[in-house]
Amino acid sequence: MRVTDSGCNARRAERDIATLLKNARDPKALCALPFARSLCEELALPDAATMVHALVNGALGDDPKRAHMYEAIRLCHFREGQTKARAARSMHLSMRHFYRVYTVAVKALVDHLERARARAPLAMDPVPTEHIRHTQS
């Protein structure tokens, strides 16, 4: 999942990130993904669930400017597991604007992952589950 200037590789990386997110609430399915296992090894992280949480928190978690992006990913793929339509309503966004926010969030995850892979191993500190940012709606 190496992103280059080629649009094809960027789209593939976005699809791979979307697949990771889709399986984020199912650790067995997440660990079954071959590219998830290889990313864990490459980034020296213990498991795929930790890797996905570290990726999302590292790319979107602490930046107030990215709060909408973090919230869109969190509502759809982590604790709540809402549909995108329900997440858009929860965030008081139109579907069109929600998809804009969501698409930018996925691209931010791809960019963060590429920067982390460039620094690997030990590119991303594992995030203990008690420190994963969960906001209540």
N, C-alpha and C. Protein backbone atom coordinates (compact mmCIF):
# COMPACT_ATOMS: atom_id res chain seq x y z
N MET A 1 0.83 -1.16 0.00
CA MET A 1 0.00 0.00 0.00
C MET A 1 0.88 1.24 0.00
N ARG A 2 1.73 1.37 -0.95
CA ARG A 2 2.66 2.49 -1.05
C ARG A 2 2.04 3.55 -1.95
N VAL A 3 1.82 4.72 -1.41
CA VAL A 3 1.24 5.79 -2.20
C VAL A 3 2.35 6.52 -2.92
N THR A 4 2.16 6.72 -4.22
CA THR A 4 3.08 7.52 -5.00
C THR A 4 2.28 8.63 -5.64
N ASP A 5 2.89 9.34 -6.56
CA ASP A 5 2.17 10.41 -7.24
C ASP A 5 1.09 9.87 -8.16
N SER A 6 1.14 8.61 -8.47
CA SER A 6 0.15 8.03 -9.37
C SER A 6 -1.22 8.00 -8.71
N GLY A 7 -2.23 8.45 -9.42
CA GLY A 7 -3.58 8.43 -8.90
C GLY A 7 -4.08 7.03 -8.63
N CYS A 8 -3.65 6.07 -9.42
CA CYS A 8 -4.06 4.68 -9.25
C CYS A 8 -3.61 4.16 -7.88
N ASN A 9 -2.35 4.41 -7.53
CA ASN A 9 -1.84 3.94 -6.25
C ASN A 9 -2.52 4.68 -5.09
N ALA A 10 -2.83 5.94 -5.27
CA ALA A 10 -3.52 6.69 -4.22
C ALA A 10 -4.91 6.12 -4.00
N ARG A 11 -5.62 5.81 -5.08
CA ARG A 11 -6.95 5.21 -4.94
C ARG A 11 -6.88 3.85 -4.27
N ARG A 12 -5.87 3.08 -4.60
CA ARG A 12 -5.71 1.77 -3.97
C ARG A 12 -5.45 1.93 -2.47
N ALA A 13 -4.61 2.87 -2.11
CA ALA A 13 -4.32 3.11 -0.70
C ALA A 13 -5.59 3.55 0.03
N GLU A 14 -6.39 4.39 -0.60
CA GLU A 14 -7.65 4.82 0.01
C GLU A 14 -8.60 3.64 0.18
N ARG A 15 -8.65 2.75 -0.80
CA ARG A 15 -9.48 1.55 -0.67
C ARG A 15 -8.99 0.66 0.47
N ASP A 16 -7.67 0.53 0.59
CA ASP A 16 -7.11 -0.29 1.67
C ASP A 16 -7.43 0.31 3.03
N ILE A 17 -7.32 1.61 3.16
CA ILE A 17 -7.67 2.28 4.42
C ILE A 17 -9.15 2.09 4.70
N ALA A 18 -10.00 2.22 3.68
CA ALA A 18 -11.44 2.03 3.85
C ALA A 18 -11.73 0.60 4.32
N THR A 19 -11.00 -0.37 3.81
CA THR A 19 -11.18 -1.76 4.23
C THR A 19 -10.75 -1.94 5.69
N LEU A 20 -9.64 -1.32 6.08
CA LEU A 20 -9.23 -1.37 7.48
C LEU A 20 -10.31 -0.77 8.38
N LEU A 21 -10.83 0.38 7.98
CA LEU A 21 -11.86 1.03 8.78
C LEU A 21 -13.14 0.20 8.86
N LYS A 22 -13.51 -0.38 7.75
CA LYS A 22 -14.73 -1.20 7.70
C LYS A 22 -14.65 -2.35 8.69
N ASN A 23 -13.46 -2.88 8.90
CA ASN A 23 -13.27 -4.02 9.79
C ASN A 23 -12.77 -3.63 11.18
N ALA A 24 -12.74 -2.34 11.47
CA ALA A 24 -12.15 -1.86 12.73
C ALA A 24 -12.85 -2.41 13.97
N ARG A 25 -14.14 -2.66 13.89
CA ARG A 25 -14.87 -3.16 15.07
C ARG A 25 -14.85 -4.68 15.16
N ASP A 26 -14.23 -5.35 14.22
CA ASP A 26 -14.14 -6.81 14.23
C ASP A 26 -12.68 -7.24 14.20
N PRO A 27 -12.06 -7.43 15.37
CA PRO A 27 -10.63 -7.74 15.41
C PRO A 27 -10.23 -8.98 14.63
N LYS A 28 -11.11 -10.00 14.60
CA LYS A 28 -10.78 -11.21 13.84
C LYS A 28 -10.70 -10.92 12.35
N ALA A 29 -11.68 -10.20 11.84
CA ALA A 29 -11.67 -9.86 10.41
C ALA A 29 -10.50 -8.94 10.09
N LEU A 30 -10.21 -8.03 10.99
CA LEU A 30 -9.11 -7.10 10.79
C LEU A 30 -7.78 -7.84 10.73
N CYS A 31 -7.58 -8.77 11.64
CA CYS A 31 -6.33 -9.54 11.66
C CYS A 31 -6.22 -10.49 10.47
N ALA A 32 -7.35 -10.83 9.86
CA ALA A 32 -7.33 -11.72 8.71
C ALA A 32 -6.90 -11.03 7.42
N LEU A 33 -6.89 -9.70 7.43
CA LEU A 33 -6.48 -8.96 6.24
C LEU A 33 -4.97 -9.04 6.07
N PRO A 34 -4.49 -9.58 4.95
CA PRO A 34 -3.04 -9.73 4.77
C PRO A 34 -2.28 -8.41 4.87
N PHE A 35 -2.81 -7.34 4.29
CA PHE A 35 -2.09 -6.07 4.34
C PHE A 35 -2.11 -5.48 5.75
N ALA A 36 -3.11 -5.82 6.56
CA ALA A 36 -3.13 -5.35 7.95
C ALA A 36 -2.01 -6.01 8.74
N ARG A 37 -1.82 -7.30 8.53
CA ARG A 37 -0.73 -8.01 9.21
C ARG A 37 0.62 -7.46 8.78
N SER A 38 0.78 -7.21 7.49
CA SER A 38 2.08 -6.71 7.02
C SER A 38 2.33 -5.29 7.54
N LEU A 39 1.28 -4.47 7.63
CA LEU A 39 1.45 -3.12 8.20
C LEU A 39 1.85 -3.20 9.67
N CYS A 40 1.25 -4.12 10.41
CA CYS A 40 1.62 -4.28 11.83
C CYS A 40 3.09 -4.64 11.97
N GLU A 41 3.55 -5.56 11.15
CA GLU A 41 4.96 -5.95 11.19
C GLU A 41 5.85 -4.78 10.80
N GLU A 42 5.48 -4.10 9.74
CA GLU A 42 6.29 -2.99 9.24
C GLU A 42 6.37 -1.84 10.24
N LEU A 43 5.27 -1.59 10.93
CA LEU A 43 5.22 -0.48 11.88
C LEU A 43 5.55 -0.90 13.31
N ALA A 44 5.87 -2.18 13.49
CA ALA A 44 6.24 -2.74 14.80
C ALA A 44 5.14 -2.53 15.83
N LEU A 45 3.90 -2.81 15.43
CA LEU A 45 2.77 -2.71 16.35
C LEU A 45 2.24 -4.11 16.62
N PRO A 46 1.70 -4.35 17.83
CA PRO A 46 1.36 -5.71 18.24
C PRO A 46 0.20 -6.35 17.51
N ASP A 47 -0.80 -5.58 17.11
CA ASP A 47 -1.94 -6.17 16.42
C ASP A 47 -2.63 -5.13 15.55
N ALA A 48 -3.52 -5.62 14.70
CA ALA A 48 -4.16 -4.76 13.72
C ALA A 48 -5.10 -3.73 14.36
N ALA A 49 -5.79 -4.11 15.42
CA ALA A 49 -6.70 -3.17 16.08
C ALA A 49 -5.92 -1.99 16.65
N THR A 50 -4.79 -2.27 17.29
CA THR A 50 -3.94 -1.21 17.82
C THR A 50 -3.43 -0.33 16.69
N MET A 51 -3.09 -0.95 15.58
CA MET A 51 -2.58 -0.20 14.44
C MET A 51 -3.64 0.75 13.89
N VAL A 52 -4.89 0.30 13.76
CA VAL A 52 -5.94 1.16 13.22
C VAL A 52 -6.21 2.32 14.18
N HIS A 53 -6.30 2.03 15.48
CA HIS A 53 -6.53 3.10 16.45
C HIS A 53 -5.37 4.09 16.47
N ALA A 54 -4.15 3.59 16.41
CA ALA A 54 -2.98 4.48 16.40
C ALA A 54 -2.98 5.34 15.14
N LEU A 55 -3.36 4.75 14.02
CA LEU A 55 -3.42 5.48 12.76
C LEU A 55 -4.44 6.62 12.84
N VAL A 56 -5.65 6.31 13.29
CA VAL A 56 -6.71 7.32 13.36
C VAL A 56 -6.36 8.40 14.39
N ASN A 57 -5.91 7.99 15.56
CA ASN A 57 -5.57 8.98 16.58
C ASN A 57 -4.36 9.82 16.16
N GLY A 58 -3.39 9.21 15.52
CA GLY A 58 -2.22 9.95 15.08
C GLY A 58 -2.53 10.94 13.98
N ALA A 59 -3.41 10.56 13.06
CA ALA A 59 -3.72 11.43 11.93
C ALA A 59 -4.75 12.50 12.27
N LEU A 60 -5.72 12.15 13.13
CA LEU A 60 -6.86 13.05 13.33
C LEU A 60 -7.14 13.42 14.77
N GLY A 61 -6.59 12.67 15.71
CA GLY A 61 -7.04 12.72 17.09
C GLY A 61 -6.86 14.01 17.85
N ASP A 62 -5.73 14.65 17.79
CA ASP A 62 -5.47 15.79 18.66
C ASP A 62 -5.55 17.14 17.98
N ASP A 63 -5.95 17.19 16.76
CA ASP A 63 -5.99 18.44 16.01
C ASP A 63 -7.43 18.98 16.00
N PRO A 64 -7.67 20.10 16.67
CA PRO A 64 -9.03 20.65 16.68
C PRO A 64 -9.57 20.95 15.28
N LYS A 65 -8.67 21.25 14.35
CA LYS A 65 -9.11 21.53 12.98
C LYS A 65 -9.63 20.27 12.29
N ARG A 66 -9.27 19.12 12.82
CA ARG A 66 -9.69 17.86 12.22
C ARG A 66 -10.76 17.14 13.05
N ALA A 67 -11.39 17.86 13.96
CA ALA A 67 -12.37 17.24 14.85
C ALA A 67 -13.54 16.63 14.08
N HIS A 68 -14.02 17.31 13.03
CA HIS A 68 -15.12 16.76 12.23
C HIS A 68 -14.68 15.47 11.53
N MET A 69 -13.45 15.45 11.04
CA MET A 69 -12.97 14.24 10.37
C MET A 69 -12.87 13.09 11.37
N TYR A 70 -12.33 13.37 12.54
CA TYR A 70 -12.21 12.34 13.58
C TYR A 70 -13.59 11.82 13.96
N GLU A 71 -14.53 12.73 14.14
CA GLU A 71 -15.88 12.35 14.53
C GLU A 71 -16.55 11.50 13.45
N ALA A 72 -16.36 11.83 12.20
CA ALA A 72 -16.95 11.05 11.10
C ALA A 72 -16.41 9.62 11.12
N ILE A 73 -15.11 9.47 11.28
CA ILE A 73 -14.52 8.13 11.33
C ILE A 73 -14.99 7.39 12.57
N ARG A 74 -14.98 8.06 13.71
CA ARG A 74 -15.38 7.42 14.97
C ARG A 74 -16.81 6.93 14.92
N LEU A 75 -17.73 7.77 14.44
CA LEU A 75 -19.14 7.39 14.40
C LEU A 75 -19.39 6.21 13.47
N CYS A 76 -18.70 6.17 12.36
CA CYS A 76 -18.95 5.11 11.38
C CYS A 76 -18.20 3.82 11.66
N HIS A 77 -17.03 3.90 12.28
CA HIS A 77 -16.17 2.71 12.30
C HIS A 77 -15.74 2.23 13.67
N PHE A 78 -16.00 2.97 14.72
CA PHE A 78 -15.55 2.50 16.02
C PHE A 78 -16.74 2.16 16.90
N ARG A 79 -16.88 2.79 17.98
CA ARG A 79 -17.85 2.37 18.99
C ARG A 79 -19.29 2.33 18.50
N GLU A 80 -19.75 3.34 17.83
CA GLU A 80 -21.15 3.40 17.45
C GLU A 80 -21.48 2.54 16.23
N GLY A 81 -20.60 2.52 15.27
CA GLY A 81 -20.85 1.75 14.05
C GLY A 81 -22.08 2.22 13.29
N GLN A 82 -22.29 3.53 13.25
CA GLN A 82 -23.45 4.08 12.57
C GLN A 82 -23.29 4.03 11.06
N THR A 83 -24.42 4.08 10.39
CA THR A 83 -24.35 4.24 8.94
C THR A 83 -23.86 5.66 8.66
N LYS A 84 -23.42 5.88 7.45
CA LYS A 84 -22.95 7.23 7.10
C LYS A 84 -24.09 8.23 7.14
N ALA A 85 -25.29 7.82 6.77
CA ALA A 85 -26.44 8.73 6.82
C ALA A 85 -26.76 9.12 8.26
N ARG A 86 -26.72 8.17 9.16
CA ARG A 86 -27.00 8.47 10.56
C ARG A 86 -25.88 9.32 11.16
N ALA A 87 -24.63 9.02 10.79
CA ALA A 87 -23.51 9.82 11.27
C ALA A 87 -23.64 11.26 10.79
N ALA A 88 -24.05 11.44 9.55
CA ALA A 88 -24.24 12.80 9.01
C ALA A 88 -25.31 13.54 9.81
N ARG A 89 -26.40 12.86 10.10
CA ARG A 89 -27.45 13.50 10.91
C ARG A 89 -26.92 13.83 12.31
N SER A 90 -26.17 12.91 12.91
CA SER A 90 -25.60 13.15 14.25
C SER A 90 -24.68 14.35 14.26
N MET A 91 -23.99 14.56 13.16
CA MET A 91 -23.04 15.67 13.06
C MET A 91 -23.70 16.94 12.51
N HIS A 92 -25.00 16.86 12.21
CA HIS A 92 -25.76 17.98 11.65
C HIS A 92 -25.16 18.46 10.33
N LEU A 93 -24.83 17.48 9.48
CA LEU A 93 -24.28 17.77 8.16
C LEU A 93 -25.17 17.18 7.09
N SER A 94 -25.17 17.79 5.92
CA SER A 94 -25.85 17.17 4.78
C SER A 94 -25.01 15.96 4.36
N MET A 95 -25.62 15.04 3.64
CA MET A 95 -24.86 13.88 3.17
C MET A 95 -23.71 14.32 2.27
N ARG A 96 -23.97 15.30 1.45
CA ARG A 96 -22.94 15.79 0.55
C ARG A 96 -21.73 16.31 1.32
N HIS A 97 -21.99 17.12 2.34
CA HIS A 97 -20.88 17.67 3.13
C HIS A 97 -20.22 16.56 3.97
N PHE A 98 -21.01 15.64 4.49
CA PHE A 98 -20.44 14.53 5.25
C PHE A 98 -19.44 13.75 4.38
N TYR A 99 -19.83 13.44 3.15
CA TYR A 99 -18.92 12.69 2.28
C TYR A 99 -17.66 13.49 1.96
N ARG A 100 -17.77 14.80 1.87
CA ARG A 100 -16.56 15.62 1.69
C ARG A 100 -15.64 15.48 2.89
N VAL A 101 -16.20 15.60 4.09
CA VAL A 101 -15.41 15.47 5.33
C VAL A 101 -14.81 14.08 5.41
N TYR A 102 -15.61 13.06 5.14
CA TYR A 102 -15.17 11.67 5.23
C TYR A 102 -14.03 11.38 4.24
N THR A 103 -14.16 11.87 3.02
CA THR A 103 -13.14 11.65 2.00
C THR A 103 -11.83 12.32 2.39
N VAL A 104 -11.90 13.53 2.91
CA VAL A 104 -10.68 14.21 3.36
C VAL A 104 -10.06 13.46 4.53
N ALA A 105 -10.89 12.91 5.41
CA ALA A 105 -10.38 12.13 6.55
C ALA A 105 -9.62 10.89 6.07
N VAL A 106 -10.17 10.19 5.11
CA VAL A 106 -9.49 8.99 4.58
C VAL A 106 -8.17 9.39 3.93
N LYS A 107 -8.16 10.48 3.19
CA LYS A 107 -6.90 10.95 2.58
C LYS A 107 -5.89 11.34 3.65
N ALA A 108 -6.34 11.94 4.74
CA ALA A 108 -5.44 12.28 5.85
C ALA A 108 -4.86 11.01 6.48
N LEU A 109 -5.66 9.96 6.57
CA LEU A 109 -5.16 8.69 7.11
C LEU A 109 -4.11 8.09 6.19
N VAL A 110 -4.34 8.15 4.89
CA VAL A 110 -3.37 7.64 3.92
C VAL A 110 -2.06 8.43 4.04
N ASP A 111 -2.15 9.74 4.11
CA ASP A 111 -0.94 10.57 4.23
C ASP A 111 -0.19 10.25 5.52
N HIS A 112 -0.92 10.13 6.61
CA HIS A 112 -0.28 9.83 7.90
C HIS A 112 0.40 8.45 7.86
N LEU A 113 -0.27 7.49 7.26
CA LEU A 113 0.31 6.16 7.17
C LEU A 113 1.58 6.17 6.34
N GLU A 114 1.57 6.90 5.25
CA GLU A 114 2.77 6.98 4.41
C GLU A 114 3.93 7.64 5.14
N ARG A 115 3.63 8.69 5.90
CA ARG A 115 4.70 9.33 6.70
C ARG A 115 5.22 8.36 7.76
N ALA A 116 4.32 7.62 8.38
CA ALA A 116 4.73 6.66 9.41
C ALA A 116 5.56 5.53 8.81
N ARG A 117 5.17 5.07 7.63
CA ARG A 117 5.92 3.99 6.98
C ARG A 117 7.30 4.47 6.57
N ALA A 118 7.42 5.73 6.24
CA ALA A 118 8.73 6.27 5.86
C ALA A 118 9.68 6.29 7.06
N ARG A 119 9.11 6.40 8.26
CA ARG A 119 9.93 6.42 9.47
C ARG A 119 10.04 5.05 10.13
N ALA A 120 9.31 4.04 9.65
CA ALA A 120 9.28 2.71 10.28
C ALA A 120 10.68 2.13 10.33
N PRO A 121 11.02 1.25 11.26
CA PRO A 121 10.16 0.69 12.30
C PRO A 121 10.00 1.65 13.46
N LEU A 122 9.08 1.30 14.31
CA LEU A 122 8.71 2.10 15.47
C LEU A 122 8.23 3.48 15.04
N ALA A 123 7.56 3.51 13.90
CA ALA A 123 7.11 4.77 13.37
C ALA A 123 5.92 5.32 14.13
N MET A 124 5.10 4.45 14.65
CA MET A 124 3.91 4.88 15.36
C MET A 124 3.95 4.26 16.74
N ASP A 125 3.80 5.07 17.75
CA ASP A 125 3.74 4.53 19.09
C ASP A 125 2.41 3.83 19.27
N PRO A 126 2.41 2.63 19.83
CA PRO A 126 1.13 1.98 20.10
C PRO A 126 0.34 2.81 21.10
N VAL A 127 -0.94 2.88 20.89
CA VAL A 127 -1.79 3.66 21.77
C VAL A 127 -2.50 2.68 22.70
N PRO A 128 -2.21 2.72 24.00
CA PRO A 128 -2.92 1.84 24.92
C PRO A 128 -4.41 2.14 24.84
N THR A 129 -5.25 1.12 24.93
CA THR A 129 -6.68 1.30 24.73
C THR A 129 -7.29 2.29 25.71
N GLU A 130 -6.72 2.43 26.92
CA GLU A 130 -7.29 3.39 27.86
C GLU A 130 -7.01 4.82 27.44
N HIS A 131 -6.08 5.04 26.49
CA HIS A 131 -5.78 6.40 26.03
C HIS A 131 -6.43 6.74 24.70
N ILE A 132 -7.16 5.81 24.12
CA ILE A 132 -7.82 6.09 22.84
C ILE A 132 -8.95 7.06 23.10
N ARG A 133 -8.95 8.11 22.33
CA ARG A 133 -9.92 9.19 22.53
C ARG A 133 -11.31 8.71 22.10
N HIS A 134 -12.23 8.69 23.02
CA HIS A 134 -13.62 8.36 22.74
C HIS A 134 -14.46 9.54 23.20
N THR A 135 -15.22 10.08 22.32
CA THR A 135 -16.09 11.18 22.72
C THR A 135 -17.52 10.67 22.77
N GLN A 136 -18.26 11.15 23.68
CA GLN A 136 -19.66 10.76 23.81
C GLN A 136 -20.51 11.67 22.96
N SER A 137 -21.52 11.08 22.29
CA SER A 137 -22.40 11.94 21.50
C SER A 137 -23.58 12.37 22.29
